[in-house]
Amino acid sequence: MKKLIFLFFTFLSISCFGKQDAELIIPAAPGGISDVAARVLLKHINDENFKFVLDYKPGAGTLLAINHTASNKNGTSILIITNSIATLPFLPDTSASYDLVRDFILVDYIGSEPLIILTKNDGKINSFTELINRSTVEFLPYGTAGFGTTQHTIMSLIANKNSNFVNVPYKGESHVLTALLTGEIKFSALSIPISKSLIAEEKLKPLAVFSNNRLKEYPNIPTIKELGINDRQFQRYLILVANKNADQKIINHIRTKMNNQDLKKELINLGFDITKPNLNNFFLNELSKMKNIIKDYN
């Protein structure tokens, strides 16, 4: 009888606890590019060994999610994040309590993506040049996913200390998109996967692309570099990071799954360039780059 009870509970533990639960933390409201990419990842990293769930922690320009991951030493949290993780420590008046090198490990690099500068297609702003000209005589509010986000960095490069460009922060790209459509803001830089259908419906008008080259989808839309803006070779990327105390089994699992060819194809179809840069000293290099950009444009 005791043997049967032992076998029963052994079976129960295998059935109920065979999968290890882990969290994929999204630093913004649902609907933005980090959410879109996370949902693609989820299809490929969940298996019989690990079950990842999405955990949304929007707020403070991704800082809420970053601080949470830095302080959360339970070992099962993976954060999907942009360049903002290397930007926020240098901004004044932020509550960045983390040290990127001390607190985090780079799990993997997802890819970089172009952003497109958009305005509401209502005939009020018809070109990037017109946008710049209007900024000399009137306030032009633009939307970002918060202070220190990649949108904020890109807009700072475009504004070049022009105080008539005014940042209006939101809790994610999906909220920025809504504000753009309602006319609450005049323009923004958005990810193509979340804006292309509205461009096709002619609800949004593309003015420029923040990319090294013109895009195949929009060959007539110039890059901001062509329009005279120094882009500082800045590109938005998405990476996966974890607390230094994270479970190594989870990290190894994700790194293995990131080599899946179907996953790579899906990321490319979303518009990501999945070519990995040199990841040696990645954090230190990004901190140095962002420190110089902020020094020049803040």
Protein backbone atom coordinates (compact mmCIF):
# COMPACT_ATOMS: atom_id res chain seq x y z
CA MET A 1 0.00 0.00 0.00
CA LYS A 2 2.77 2.46 0.92
CA LYS A 3 4.48 1.66 -2.36
CA LEU A 4 1.29 2.48 -4.29
CA ILE A 5 0.92 5.80 -2.45
CA PHE A 6 4.55 6.65 -3.22
CA LEU A 7 4.08 5.83 -6.92
CA PHE A 8 0.88 7.89 -7.03
CA PHE A 9 2.53 11.02 -5.65
CA THR A 10 5.57 10.50 -7.88
CA PHE A 11 3.26 10.40 -10.90
CA LEU A 12 1.37 13.44 -9.61
CA SER A 13 4.53 15.48 -9.18
CA ILE A 14 5.72 14.64 -12.69
CA SER A 15 2.31 15.44 -14.19
CA CYS A 16 1.77 18.71 -12.35
CA PHE A 17 5.28 20.01 -11.98
CA GLY A 18 7.10 18.60 -14.99
CA LYS A 19 7.05 22.00 -16.68
CA GLN A 20 8.94 24.84 -15.09
CA ASP A 21 7.05 28.13 -15.13
CA ALA A 22 8.84 31.31 -16.20
CA GLU A 23 7.83 34.87 -17.06
CA LEU A 24 8.53 36.85 -20.19
CA ILE A 25 8.21 40.45 -18.98
CA ILE A 26 6.83 43.08 -21.37
CA PRO A 27 7.77 46.66 -20.34
CA ALA A 28 4.83 48.33 -22.09
CA ALA A 29 1.10 48.00 -22.64
CA PRO A 30 -0.14 45.26 -25.01
CA GLY A 31 -0.01 46.02 -28.72
CA GLY A 32 3.50 47.46 -29.05
CA ILE A 33 6.46 45.88 -30.80
CA SER A 34 7.81 44.22 -27.63
CA ASP A 35 4.42 42.54 -27.20
CA VAL A 36 4.27 41.50 -30.86
CA ALA A 37 7.78 40.04 -30.75
CA ALA A 38 7.13 38.33 -27.39
CA ARG A 39 4.09 36.53 -28.79
CA VAL A 40 6.19 35.22 -31.67
CA LEU A 41 8.87 34.06 -29.23
CA LEU A 42 6.30 32.40 -27.01
CA LYS A 43 5.27 30.00 -29.78
CA HIS A 44 8.82 28.69 -30.02
CA ILE A 45 10.20 28.77 -26.47
CA ASN A 46 7.28 26.97 -24.80
CA ASP A 47 7.68 23.20 -24.78
CA GLU A 48 7.37 20.17 -22.52
CA ASN A 49 10.09 21.53 -20.20
CA PHE A 50 9.25 25.22 -19.84
CA LYS A 51 6.04 27.20 -19.83
CA PHE A 52 6.51 30.96 -20.29
CA VAL A 53 3.71 33.41 -19.60
CA LEU A 54 3.58 37.08 -20.58
CA ASP A 55 3.79 39.53 -17.68
CA TYR A 56 3.00 43.15 -18.60
CA LYS A 57 4.68 45.85 -16.51
CA PRO A 58 4.20 49.18 -18.33
CA GLY A 59 5.23 52.50 -16.88
CA ALA A 60 7.99 55.07 -16.46
CA GLY A 61 9.36 54.56 -19.95
CA THR A 62 10.12 50.82 -19.40
CA LEU A 63 11.83 51.65 -16.08
CA LEU A 64 9.22 49.86 -13.96
CA ALA A 65 9.90 46.56 -15.71
CA ILE A 66 13.68 47.07 -15.68
CA ASN A 67 13.83 47.87 -11.96
CA HIS A 68 11.56 44.90 -11.23
CA THR A 69 13.81 42.49 -13.13
CA ALA A 70 16.95 43.92 -11.52
CA SER A 71 15.58 43.38 -8.03
CA ASN A 72 13.69 40.14 -8.66
CA LYS A 73 16.09 37.33 -7.81
CA ASN A 74 13.62 34.45 -8.17
CA GLY A 75 15.50 33.29 -11.26
CA THR A 76 12.55 32.76 -13.62
CA SER A 77 12.02 36.21 -15.16
CA ILE A 78 13.23 37.18 -18.63
CA LEU A 79 12.81 40.78 -19.81
CA ILE A 80 12.34 41.75 -23.45
CA ILE A 81 13.71 45.27 -23.77
CA THR A 82 15.02 47.91 -26.18
CA ASN A 83 17.98 50.31 -26.06
CA SER A 84 16.19 52.09 -23.22
CA ILE A 85 17.91 49.83 -20.71
CA ALA A 86 21.22 51.53 -21.63
CA THR A 87 19.66 55.01 -21.83
CA LEU A 88 17.73 55.49 -18.61
CA PRO A 89 20.75 55.49 -16.23
CA PHE A 90 21.97 58.72 -17.84
CA LEU A 91 18.73 60.68 -17.75
CA PRO A 92 18.19 63.21 -14.97
CA ASP A 93 15.20 62.87 -12.67
CA THR A 94 14.69 59.14 -13.21
CA SER A 95 14.48 56.49 -10.52
CA ALA A 96 16.81 54.06 -12.28
CA SER A 97 18.03 51.96 -9.37
CA TYR A 98 19.82 49.33 -11.44
CA ASP A 99 23.34 48.87 -12.70
CA LEU A 100 23.22 47.29 -16.14
CA VAL A 101 26.55 45.46 -15.87
CA ARG A 102 26.17 44.46 -12.23
CA ASP A 103 22.52 43.36 -12.23
CA PHE A 104 21.87 41.85 -15.66
CA ILE A 105 22.99 39.14 -18.03
CA LEU A 106 22.40 39.34 -21.79
CA VAL A 107 20.36 36.28 -22.69
CA ASP A 108 20.20 36.91 -26.44
CA TYR A 109 19.85 39.50 -29.18
CA ILE A 110 16.52 39.42 -31.04
CA GLY A 111 17.17 41.98 -33.77
CA SER A 112 17.07 45.61 -34.85
CA GLU A 113 14.24 47.29 -36.71
CA PRO A 114 13.54 50.51 -38.60
CA LEU A 115 11.01 53.01 -37.31
CA ILE A 116 8.82 55.19 -39.46
CA ILE A 117 8.00 58.82 -38.74
CA LEU A 118 4.22 59.20 -39.06
CA THR A 119 1.56 61.87 -38.85
CA LYS A 120 -2.22 61.73 -39.13
CA ASN A 121 -3.20 61.78 -42.77
CA ASP A 122 -5.45 64.83 -42.54
CA GLY A 123 -3.58 67.12 -44.93
CA LYS A 124 -2.10 69.31 -42.20
CA ILE A 125 1.47 68.02 -42.48
CA ASN A 126 2.48 66.61 -45.86
CA SER A 127 6.25 66.14 -45.62
CA PHE A 128 9.09 65.92 -43.14
CA THR A 129 10.44 69.26 -44.38
CA GLU A 130 7.07 70.87 -43.69
CA LEU A 131 7.12 69.37 -40.18
CA ILE A 132 10.54 70.91 -39.48
CA ASN A 133 9.49 74.28 -40.91
CA ARG A 134 6.32 74.39 -38.81
CA SER A 135 8.34 73.64 -35.68
CA THR A 136 10.02 77.06 -36.02
CA VAL A 137 6.74 78.88 -35.41
CA GLU A 138 4.53 76.53 -33.34
CA PHE A 139 4.56 73.80 -30.71
CA LEU A 140 4.41 70.30 -32.15
CA PRO A 141 3.68 67.60 -29.56
CA TYR A 142 5.00 64.15 -30.39
CA GLY A 143 4.24 60.85 -28.70
CA THR A 144 6.64 58.35 -27.16
CA ALA A 145 6.36 55.27 -24.98
CA GLY A 146 7.99 57.29 -22.20
CA PHE A 147 11.16 59.12 -21.24
CA GLY A 148 14.33 57.28 -22.21
CA THR A 149 12.63 54.98 -24.72
CA THR A 150 13.97 54.57 -28.24
CA GLN A 151 11.19 56.81 -29.55
CA HIS A 152 12.31 59.52 -27.14
CA THR A 153 15.93 59.15 -28.31
CA ILE A 154 14.94 59.31 -31.97
CA MET A 155 12.76 62.38 -31.41
CA SER A 156 15.61 64.07 -29.53
CA LEU A 157 17.87 63.50 -32.53
CA ILE A 158 15.23 64.98 -34.84
CA ALA A 159 14.41 67.93 -32.56
CA ASN A 160 18.10 68.77 -32.00
CA LYS A 161 17.21 70.90 -28.95
CA ASN A 162 14.30 72.63 -30.69
CA SER A 163 12.02 73.38 -27.72
CA ASN A 164 8.94 73.60 -29.94
CA PHE A 165 9.00 69.81 -30.18
CA VAL A 166 7.25 68.64 -27.01
CA ASN A 167 7.37 65.04 -25.73
CA VAL A 168 4.07 63.52 -24.60
CA PRO A 169 4.83 60.18 -22.88
CA TYR A 170 2.44 57.21 -22.93
CA LYS A 171 2.56 53.68 -21.52
CA GLY A 172 3.33 52.00 -24.82
CA GLU A 173 3.31 52.25 -28.59
CA SER A 174 -0.31 51.15 -28.83
CA HIS A 175 -1.32 54.19 -26.75
CA VAL A 176 0.88 56.44 -28.90
CA LEU A 177 -0.85 55.08 -31.99
CA THR A 178 -4.28 55.94 -30.57
CA ALA A 179 -3.13 59.48 -29.70
CA LEU A 180 -1.80 59.93 -33.23
CA LEU A 181 -5.08 58.86 -34.80
CA THR A 182 -7.15 61.15 -32.58
CA GLY A 183 -4.88 64.15 -33.25
CA GLU A 184 -3.76 64.42 -29.63
CA ILE A 185 -0.17 64.47 -30.93
CA LYS A 186 1.18 65.65 -34.27
CA PHE A 187 3.66 62.90 -35.09
CA SER A 188 5.65 59.97 -33.75
CA ALA A 189 8.13 57.25 -34.66
CA LEU A 190 6.46 53.85 -34.73
CA SER A 191 7.28 50.27 -35.53
CA ILE A 192 6.12 49.13 -38.96
CA PRO A 193 4.29 45.94 -37.83
CA ILE A 194 1.89 47.97 -35.67
CA SER A 195 1.34 50.82 -38.14
CA LYS A 196 1.45 49.38 -41.67
CA SER A 197 -2.26 48.53 -41.88
CA LEU A 198 -3.16 52.12 -40.96
CA ILE A 199 -0.71 53.41 -43.56
CA ALA A 200 -2.37 51.15 -46.15
CA GLU A 201 -5.78 52.50 -45.12
CA GLU A 202 -4.36 56.05 -45.54
CA LYS A 203 -5.16 56.97 -41.96
CA LEU A 204 -1.48 57.63 -41.25
CA LYS A 205 1.01 59.37 -43.53
CA PRO A 206 4.69 58.35 -43.52
CA LEU A 207 7.10 61.28 -43.55
CA ALA A 208 10.51 59.62 -43.14
CA VAL A 209 12.14 56.41 -42.00
CA PHE A 210 14.67 56.02 -39.24
CA SER A 211 16.83 53.44 -40.94
CA ASN A 212 20.18 53.10 -42.68
CA ASN A 213 18.42 52.68 -46.02
CA ARG A 214 15.03 53.28 -47.61
CA LEU A 215 12.56 50.47 -47.04
CA LYS A 216 11.28 48.09 -49.71
CA GLU A 217 7.71 48.66 -48.54
CA TYR A 218 8.05 52.45 -48.84
CA PRO A 219 10.71 53.16 -51.47
CA ASN A 220 9.60 56.79 -51.93
CA ILE A 221 9.96 57.69 -48.25
CA PRO A 222 13.41 59.16 -47.49
CA THR A 223 15.56 58.32 -44.51
CA ILE A 224 16.05 61.08 -41.96
CA LYS A 225 19.74 61.05 -42.87
CA GLU A 226 18.81 61.99 -46.44
CA LEU A 227 16.80 64.86 -44.95
CA GLY A 228 19.81 66.27 -43.13
CA ILE A 229 19.34 64.73 -39.67
CA ASN A 230 22.35 63.16 -37.97
CA ASP A 231 21.03 59.75 -36.95
CA ARG A 232 24.18 58.96 -34.92
CA GLN A 233 23.94 55.43 -36.38
CA PHE A 234 21.30 54.75 -33.76
CA GLN A 235 19.01 51.78 -34.35
CA ARG A 236 16.31 50.35 -32.15
CA TYR A 237 16.96 46.78 -31.12
CA LEU A 238 15.23 44.23 -28.95
CA ILE A 239 17.19 42.03 -26.58
CA LEU A 240 16.40 39.49 -23.88
CA VAL A 241 17.99 40.10 -20.48
CA ALA A 242 17.74 38.44 -17.08
CA ASN A 243 18.78 39.04 -13.52
CA LYS A 244 22.32 37.85 -12.79
CA ASN A 245 20.76 35.24 -10.47
CA ALA A 246 18.49 33.80 -13.16
CA ASP A 247 18.20 30.05 -13.58
CA GLN A 248 20.91 29.05 -16.07
CA LYS A 249 18.67 26.27 -17.40
CA ILE A 250 16.12 28.87 -18.53
CA ILE A 251 18.82 31.00 -20.15
CA ASN A 252 20.30 28.01 -21.99
CA HIS A 253 16.82 26.93 -23.07
CA ILE A 254 16.07 30.33 -24.65
CA ARG A 255 19.46 30.56 -26.33
CA THR A 256 18.89 27.17 -27.93
CA LYS A 257 15.37 28.05 -29.07
CA MET A 258 16.56 31.35 -30.59
CA ASN A 259 18.42 29.30 -33.21
CA ASN A 260 15.15 27.83 -34.49
CA GLN A 261 14.88 28.59 -38.22
CA ASP A 262 11.11 29.07 -38.16
CA LEU A 263 11.47 31.62 -35.37
CA LYS A 264 14.14 33.46 -37.34
CA LYS A 265 11.86 33.58 -40.41
CA GLU A 266 9.00 35.02 -38.37
CA LEU A 267 11.23 37.74 -36.92
CA ILE A 268 12.50 38.63 -40.40
CA ASN A 269 8.91 38.80 -41.66
CA LEU A 270 8.15 41.27 -38.87
CA GLY A 271 10.91 43.50 -40.26
CA PHE A 272 13.74 42.65 -37.89
CA ASP A 273 17.33 42.47 -38.99
CA ILE A 274 18.44 39.46 -36.93
CA THR A 275 22.13 39.86 -37.76
CA LYS A 276 23.83 39.83 -34.39
CA PRO A 277 26.45 42.43 -33.55
CA ASN A 278 29.51 41.52 -31.53
CA LEU A 279 27.97 40.65 -28.16
CA ASN A 280 31.26 40.82 -26.27
CA ASN A 281 31.01 43.75 -23.85
CA PHE A 282 27.61 44.55 -25.37
CA PHE A 283 26.34 46.35 -22.27
CA LEU A 284 29.48 48.45 -21.85
CA ASN A 285 29.48 49.45 -25.53
CA GLU A 286 25.81 50.46 -25.45
CA LEU A 287 26.25 52.45 -22.25
CA SER A 288 29.14 54.36 -23.81
CA LYS A 289 27.15 55.08 -27.00
CA MET A 290 24.04 56.28 -25.17
CA LYS A 291 26.04 58.39 -22.72
CA ASN A 292 27.54 60.34 -25.64
CA ILE A 293 24.21 60.80 -27.42
CA ILE A 294 22.48 62.05 -24.28
CA LYS A 295 25.35 64.39 -23.48
CA ASP A 296 25.01 66.00 -26.91
CA TYR A 297 21.23 66.22 -27.14
CA ASN A 298 19.92 66.55 -23.61
